[in-house]
Amino acid sequence: MMLGAVLVLGVTLLALADEPAPEQATQPVVPEHPTYQQILAVFADADRPMRTRDLCQALDLPVVPKNTEGIRSKLKRLVSHGILAETEPGLFTQPHP
């Protein structure tokens, strides 16, 4: 009896695997931390790609390793979410549709 239930479950799973995947959400999810909102506001006003040091200055942060590494980490996270693009190493911009 247990074998029949497993077999039915296996057939059901195979049937679900054959169905096309539902559409993924097209809007990337922006992390909720306020710094991400500030970064995106700077990029919304910027007319050029920016480096981490430029962004620290735009956010009125001292350009020290602690701040640049923190901002770089956040920029890389935004790139991984598809919100920003890194056109060359260390140069970040908003992706163009």
Protein backbone atom coordinates (compact mmCIF):
# COMPACT_ATOMS: atom_id res chain seq x y z
CA MET A 1 0.00 0.00 0.00
CA MET A 2 2.80 2.42 0.82
CA LEU A 3 4.44 1.72 -2.55
CA GLY A 4 1.25 2.79 -4.38
CA ALA A 5 1.18 6.13 -2.58
CA VAL A 6 4.81 6.78 -3.46
CA LEU A 7 4.17 5.84 -7.07
CA VAL A 8 1.16 8.16 -7.29
CA LEU A 9 3.16 10.94 -5.71
CA GLY A 10 6.00 10.30 -8.16
CA VAL A 11 3.63 10.49 -11.12
CA THR A 12 2.14 13.70 -9.78
CA LEU A 13 5.56 15.26 -9.37
CA LEU A 14 6.54 14.22 -12.88
CA ALA A 15 3.35 15.75 -14.22
CA LEU A 16 4.10 19.02 -12.44
CA ALA A 17 7.66 19.02 -13.77
CA ASP A 18 6.33 18.92 -17.35
CA GLU A 19 4.31 22.12 -16.87
CA PRO A 20 6.02 25.39 -17.86
CA ALA A 21 7.35 27.47 -15.00
CA PRO A 22 5.25 30.50 -14.04
CA GLU A 23 6.57 33.91 -15.08
CA GLN A 24 9.11 35.34 -12.67
CA ALA A 25 8.47 38.80 -11.27
CA THR A 26 10.05 41.34 -13.62
CA GLN A 27 10.66 43.98 -10.96
CA PRO A 28 13.82 43.35 -8.91
CA VAL A 29 13.44 43.55 -5.16
CA VAL A 30 15.35 46.42 -3.56
CA PRO A 31 16.68 45.67 -0.06
CA GLU A 32 14.83 47.69 2.59
CA HIS A 33 17.84 49.23 4.34
CA PRO A 34 17.76 53.06 4.01
CA THR A 35 21.29 53.18 2.57
CA TYR A 36 20.09 51.29 -0.52
CA GLN A 37 17.38 53.92 -1.02
CA GLN A 38 19.99 56.69 -0.71
CA ILE A 39 22.28 54.95 -3.21
CA LEU A 40 19.45 54.60 -5.73
CA ALA A 41 18.51 58.26 -5.26
CA VAL A 42 22.08 59.29 -6.11
CA PHE A 43 22.04 57.11 -9.24
CA ALA A 44 18.66 58.54 -10.24
CA ASP A 45 20.21 62.03 -10.24
CA ALA A 46 23.54 60.95 -11.77
CA ASP A 47 24.10 61.32 -15.48
CA ARG A 48 27.19 59.10 -15.55
CA PRO A 49 28.54 55.85 -14.09
CA MET A 50 30.03 56.20 -10.62
CA ARG A 51 32.83 54.66 -8.62
CA THR A 52 32.52 53.82 -4.94
CA ARG A 53 34.56 56.86 -3.90
CA ASP A 54 32.25 59.15 -5.92
CA LEU A 55 29.22 57.61 -4.28
CA CYS A 56 30.70 58.05 -0.78
CA GLN A 57 31.24 61.74 -1.53
CA ALA A 58 27.69 62.09 -2.92
CA LEU A 59 26.36 60.51 0.30
CA ASP A 60 28.53 62.85 2.43
CA LEU A 61 30.48 59.93 3.87
CA PRO A 62 34.19 60.23 4.64
CA VAL A 63 36.22 58.37 2.00
CA VAL A 64 37.79 55.83 4.36
CA PRO A 65 38.17 52.07 3.84
CA LYS A 66 35.31 51.24 6.21
CA ASN A 67 32.84 53.32 4.20
CA THR A 68 34.10 52.45 0.73
CA GLU A 69 34.03 48.72 1.45
CA GLY A 70 30.52 48.97 2.91
CA ILE A 71 29.22 50.92 -0.08
CA ARG A 72 31.02 48.61 -2.53
CA SER A 73 29.34 45.63 -0.88
CA LYS A 74 25.94 47.27 -1.24
CA LEU A 75 26.63 48.16 -4.87
CA LYS A 76 27.62 44.57 -5.63
CA ARG A 77 24.40 43.36 -3.99
CA LEU A 78 22.37 45.74 -6.16
CA VAL A 79 24.22 44.41 -9.22
CA SER A 80 23.42 40.82 -8.23
CA HIS A 81 19.72 41.78 -7.95
CA GLY A 82 19.81 43.36 -11.42
CA ILE A 83 19.10 46.85 -10.09
CA LEU A 84 22.50 48.30 -11.05
CA ALA A 85 25.11 47.23 -13.59
CA GLU A 86 28.88 47.10 -13.24
CA THR A 87 30.07 48.18 -16.69
CA GLU A 88 33.73 47.61 -15.81
CA PRO A 89 35.39 46.64 -12.52
CA GLY A 90 34.48 49.25 -9.93
CA LEU A 91 32.27 51.36 -12.24
CA PHE A 92 28.55 51.20 -11.47
CA THR A 93 25.53 52.55 -13.34
CA GLN A 94 21.84 51.99 -13.81
CA PRO A 95 21.15 49.40 -16.52
CA HIS A 96 19.59 50.72 -19.69
CA PRO A 97 16.47 48.89 -20.96
